[in-house]
C-alpha atoms as a PDB file:
ATOM      1  CA  MET A   1      -1.593 -48.033  10.218  1.00  0.00           C
ATOM      2  CA  ARG A   2      -4.788 -47.066   8.435  1.00  0.00           C
ATOM      3  CA  VAL A   3      -5.674 -44.602  11.216  1.00  0.00           C
ATOM      4  CA  ARG A   4      -2.261 -42.941  10.966  1.00  0.00           C
ATOM      5  CA  PHE A   5      -2.659 -42.549   7.226  1.00  0.00           C
ATOM      6  CA  SER A   6      -6.119 -41.006   7.669  1.00  0.00           C
ATOM      7  CA  ILE A   7      -4.836 -38.581  10.286  1.00  0.00           C
ATOM      8  CA  LEU A   8      -1.862 -37.690   8.072  1.00  0.00           C
ATOM      9  CA  ALA A   9      -4.171 -37.129   5.099  1.00  0.00           C
ATOM     10  CA  ILE A  10      -6.438 -34.876   7.166  1.00  0.00           C
ATOM     11  CA  CYS A  11      -3.449 -32.863   8.447  1.00  0.00           C
ATOM     12  CA  ILE A  12      -2.086 -32.395   4.932  1.00  0.00           C
ATOM     13  CA  THR A  13      -5.498 -31.310   3.660  1.00  0.00           C
ATOM     14  CA  LEU A  14      -5.866 -28.776   6.469  1.00  0.00           C
ATOM     15  CA  LEU A  15      -2.373 -27.403   5.860  1.00  0.00           C
ATOM     16  CA  LEU A  16      -3.042 -27.038   2.135  1.00  0.00           C
ATOM     17  CA  GLN A  17      -6.339 -25.280   2.766  1.00  0.00           C
ATOM     18  CA  ALA A  18      -4.680 -22.907   5.227  1.00  0.00           C
ATOM     19  CA  SER A  19      -1.864 -22.078   2.820  1.00  0.00           C
ATOM     20  CA  LEU A  20      -4.274 -21.541  -0.059  1.00  0.00           C
ATOM     21  CA  SER A  21      -6.455 -19.244   2.007  1.00  0.00           C
ATOM     22  CA  VAL A  22      -3.414 -17.157   2.977  1.00  0.00           C
ATOM     23  CA  ALA A  23      -2.299 -16.854  -0.649  1.00  0.00           C
ATOM     24  CA  ALA A  24      -5.768 -16.037  -1.946  1.00  0.00           C
ATOM     25  CA  PRO A  25      -6.696 -12.360  -2.177  1.00  0.00           C
ATOM     26  CA  TYR A  26      -9.113 -10.885   0.315  1.00  0.00           C
ATOM     27  CA  LYS A  27     -11.274  -9.807  -2.590  1.00  0.00           C
ATOM     28  CA  SER A  28     -10.485 -10.185  -6.242  1.00  0.00           C
ATOM     29  CA  TRP A  29     -10.685  -7.080  -8.422  1.00  0.00           C
ATOM     30  CA  THR A  30     -13.928  -8.328  -9.977  1.00  0.00           C
ATOM     31  CA  GLN A  31     -15.550  -8.592  -6.532  1.00  0.00           C
ATOM     32  CA  LEU A  32     -15.054  -4.906  -5.785  1.00  0.00           C
ATOM     33  CA  THR A  33     -17.942  -2.503  -6.188  1.00  0.00           C
ATOM     34  CA  PRO A  34     -17.801   0.033  -9.039  1.00  0.00           C
ATOM     35  CA  VAL A  35     -17.051   2.798  -6.503  1.00  0.00           C
ATOM     36  CA  GLN A  36     -14.192   0.782  -5.014  1.00  0.00           C
ATOM     37  CA  GLN A  37     -12.842   0.055  -8.490  1.00  0.00           C
ATOM     38  CA  GLU A  38     -13.003   3.749  -9.369  1.00  0.00           C
ATOM     39  CA  ALA A  39     -11.152   4.731  -6.195  1.00  0.00           C
ATOM     40  CA  LEU A  40      -8.505   2.027  -6.540  1.00  0.00           C
ATOM     41  CA  GLN A  41      -8.128   2.124 -10.332  1.00  0.00           C
ATOM     42  CA  PRO A  42      -4.352   2.787 -10.298  1.00  0.00           C
ATOM     43  CA  LEU A  43      -3.925  -0.593  -8.601  1.00  0.00           C
ATOM     44  CA  ALA A  44      -6.225  -2.576 -10.914  1.00  0.00           C
ATOM     45  CA  THR A  45      -3.486  -4.661 -12.514  1.00  0.00           C
ATOM     46  CA  GLN A  46      -1.786  -5.379  -9.176  1.00  0.00           C
ATOM     47  CA  TRP A  47      -4.861  -5.794  -6.975  1.00  0.00           C
ATOM     48  CA  ASP A  48      -5.123  -9.585  -6.948  1.00  0.00           C
ATOM     49  CA  SER A  49      -1.441  -9.948  -6.016  1.00  0.00           C
ATOM     50  CA  LEU A  50      -1.568  -7.508  -3.072  1.00  0.00           C
ATOM     51  CA  SER A  51      -1.486  -8.896   0.458  1.00  0.00           C
ATOM     52  CA  THR A  52      -4.754  -9.357   2.286  1.00  0.00           C
ATOM     53  CA  LYS A  53      -3.692  -6.773   4.860  1.00  0.00           C
ATOM     54  CA  LEU A  54      -2.911  -4.177   2.197  1.00  0.00           C
ATOM     55  CA  GLN A  55      -6.194  -4.886   0.395  1.00  0.00           C
ATOM     56  CA  LYS A  56      -8.111  -4.374   3.644  1.00  0.00           C
ATOM     57  CA  ASN A  57      -6.294  -1.105   4.330  1.00  0.00           C
ATOM     58  CA  LEU A  58      -6.956   0.164   0.816  1.00  0.00           C
ATOM     59  CA  LEU A  59     -10.628  -0.817   0.965  1.00  0.00           C
ATOM     60  CA  HIS A  60     -10.894   1.074   4.238  1.00  0.00           C
ATOM     61  CA  ALA A  61      -9.395   4.153   2.563  1.00  0.00           C
ATOM     62  CA  ALA A  62     -11.713   3.703  -0.430  1.00  0.00           C
ATOM     63  CA  LYS A  63     -14.762   3.994   1.869  1.00  0.00           C
ATOM     64  CA  ARG A  64     -14.035   7.719   2.218  1.00  0.00           C
ATOM     65  CA  TYR A  65     -13.539   8.220  -1.533  1.00  0.00           C
ATOM     66  CA  PRO A  66     -17.181   9.095  -2.439  1.00  0.00           C
ATOM     67  CA  LYS A  67     -17.198  11.931   0.127  1.00  0.00           C
ATOM     68  CA  LEU A  68     -14.033  13.564  -1.238  1.00  0.00           C
ATOM     69  CA  THR A  69     -14.063  16.717  -3.320  1.00  0.00           C
ATOM     70  CA  PRO A  70     -12.956  16.354  -6.970  1.00  0.00           C
ATOM     71  CA  GLU A  71      -9.555  17.798  -6.023  1.00  0.00           C
ATOM     72  CA  GLN A  72      -9.170  15.355  -3.142  1.00  0.00           C
ATOM     73  CA  LYS A  73     -10.195  12.473  -5.407  1.00  0.00           C
ATOM     74  CA  GLN A  74      -7.521  13.492  -7.898  1.00  0.00           C
ATOM     75  CA  LEU A  75      -4.922  13.702  -5.131  1.00  0.00           C
ATOM     76  CA  PHE A  76      -5.952  10.246  -3.873  1.00  0.00           C
ATOM     77  CA  GLN A  77      -5.633   8.821  -7.398  1.00  0.00           C
ATOM     78  CA  ASN A  78      -2.257  10.515  -7.959  1.00  0.00           C
ATOM     79  CA  ARG A  79      -0.840   9.139  -4.737  1.00  0.00           C
ATOM     80  CA  LEU A  80      -2.090   5.636  -5.503  1.00  0.00           C
ATOM     81  CA  GLU A  81      -0.574   5.912  -8.971  1.00  0.00           C
ATOM     82  CA  LYS A  82       2.819   6.866  -7.528  1.00  0.00           C
ATOM     83  CA  TRP A  83       2.602   4.134  -4.911  1.00  0.00           C
ATOM     84  CA  SER A  84       1.739   1.514  -7.552  1.00  0.00           C
ATOM     85  CA  LYS A  85       4.947   2.344  -9.437  1.00  0.00           C
ATOM     86  CA  LEU A  86       7.258   1.888  -6.439  1.00  0.00           C
ATOM     87  CA  THR A  87       9.307  -1.267  -6.080  1.00  0.00           C
ATOM     88  CA  PRO A  88       8.735  -3.392  -2.963  1.00  0.00           C
ATOM     89  CA  GLU A  89      12.010  -2.056  -1.529  1.00  0.00           C
ATOM     90  CA  GLN A  90      10.946   1.567  -2.158  1.00  0.00           C
ATOM     91  CA  ARG A  91       7.590   0.862  -0.505  1.00  0.00           C
ATOM     92  CA  LYS A  92       9.353  -0.620   2.502  1.00  0.00           C
ATOM     93  CA  ARG A  93      11.565   2.465   2.833  1.00  0.00           C
ATOM     94  CA  ALA A  94       8.539   4.746   2.473  1.00  0.00           C
ATOM     95  CA  ARG A  95       6.734   2.869   5.264  1.00  0.00           C
ATOM     96  CA  GLU A  96       9.817   3.126   7.484  1.00  0.00           C
ATOM     97  CA  LYS A  97      10.103   6.865   6.842  1.00  0.00           C
ATOM     98  CA  PHE A  98       6.404   7.369   7.532  1.00  0.00           C
ATOM     99  CA  SER A  99       6.692   5.403  10.771  1.00  0.00           C
ATOM    100  CA  ALA A 100       9.704   7.428  11.882  1.00  0.00           C
ATOM    101  CA  PHE A 101       8.028  10.716  10.938  1.00  0.00           C
ATOM    102  CA  SER A 102       4.865   9.830  12.847  1.00  0.00           C
ATOM    103  CA  LYS A 103       6.982   9.565  16.010  1.00  0.00           C
ATOM    104  CA  VAL A 104       8.235  13.147  15.628  1.00  0.00           C
ATOM    105  CA  PRO A 105       6.361  15.511  17.961  1.00  0.00           C
ATOM    106  CA  PRO A 106       3.881  17.682  16.020  1.00  0.00           C
ATOM    107  CA  GLU A 107       5.669  20.899  16.976  1.00  0.00           C
ATOM    108  CA  HIS A 108       8.889  19.648  15.296  1.00  0.00           C
ATOM    109  CA  ARG A 109       7.409  18.135  12.127  1.00  0.00           C
ATOM    110  CA  GLU A 110       7.744  21.268  10.011  1.00  0.00           C
ATOM    111  CA  GLN A 111      11.415  21.521  10.950  1.00  0.00           C
ATOM    112  CA  VAL A 112      11.961  17.891   9.938  1.00  0.00           C
ATOM    113  CA  LYS A 113      10.159  18.491   6.622  1.00  0.00           C
ATOM    114  CA  GLN A 114      12.400  21.484   5.906  1.00  0.00           C
ATOM    115  CA  MET A 115      15.511  19.486   6.763  1.00  0.00           C
ATOM    116  CA  VAL A 116      14.466  16.639   4.428  1.00  0.00           C
ATOM    117  CA  ARG A 117      13.689  19.098   1.619  1.00  0.00           C
ATOM    118  CA  GLN A 118      17.125  20.684   2.014  1.00  0.00           C
ATOM    119  CA  GLN A 119      18.817  17.280   1.924  1.00  0.00           C
ATOM    120  CA  GLU A 120      16.867  16.310  -1.196  1.00  0.00           C
ATOM    121  CA  ALA A 121      17.743  19.619  -2.862  1.00  0.00           C
ATOM    122  CA  SER A 122      21.427  19.075  -2.049  1.00  0.00           C
ATOM    123  CA  LYS A 123      21.349  15.559  -3.496  1.00  0.00           C
ATOM    124  CA  ALA A 124      19.491  16.791  -6.567  1.00  0.00           C
ATOM    125  CA  ALA A 125      21.983  19.602  -7.119  1.00  0.00           C
ATOM    126  CA  ALA A 126      24.849  17.122  -6.874  1.00  0.00           C
ATOM    127  CA  SER A 127      23.219  14.709  -9.315  1.00  0.00           C
ATOM    128  CA  GLY A 128      21.887  17.345 -11.701  1.00  0.00           C
ATOM    129  CA  VAL A 129      18.301  16.088 -11.313  1.00  0.00           C
ATOM    130  CA  PRO A 130      15.724  18.614 -10.082  1.00  0.00           C
ATOM    131  CA  PRO A 131      14.034  17.752  -6.756  1.00  0.00           C
ATOM    132  CA  VAL A 132      10.504  16.354  -6.715  1.00  0.00           C
ATOM    133  CA  THR A 133       7.937  18.825  -5.417  1.00  0.00           C
ATOM    134  CA  PRO A 134       5.776  17.197  -2.734  1.00  0.00           C
ATOM    135  CA  VAL A 135       2.077  16.823  -3.532  1.00  0.00           C
ATOM    136  CA  ARG A 136      -0.156  18.708  -1.130  1.00  0.00           C
END
């Protein structure tokens, strides 16, 4: 009986450690370097609640940040800012659209972009809200 209890206690401890390590951030905001914090500033308040996978992806993108021109840095910041304001559902839809678009052959991508812009303009005209101009 004592052996069973010990084994059960060990299993519970291991499960708790595993679940805590999954929930814990890859790196907390305070562990980031000043350059990483500068690059990822729009996500500062959300950083510790982001998934480990997303943190890793963002840190990978932040590696290129110091080499960007001032204009590219501003574009990077603007896009992160917009992304940080999306709801989880909007982010999911954006990922799905990106995935679908990446499967379009390169020679047809401009046509697809034009079609999407026309659809957005039609929706905007119907709703009375001007369409959003894509950031380039």
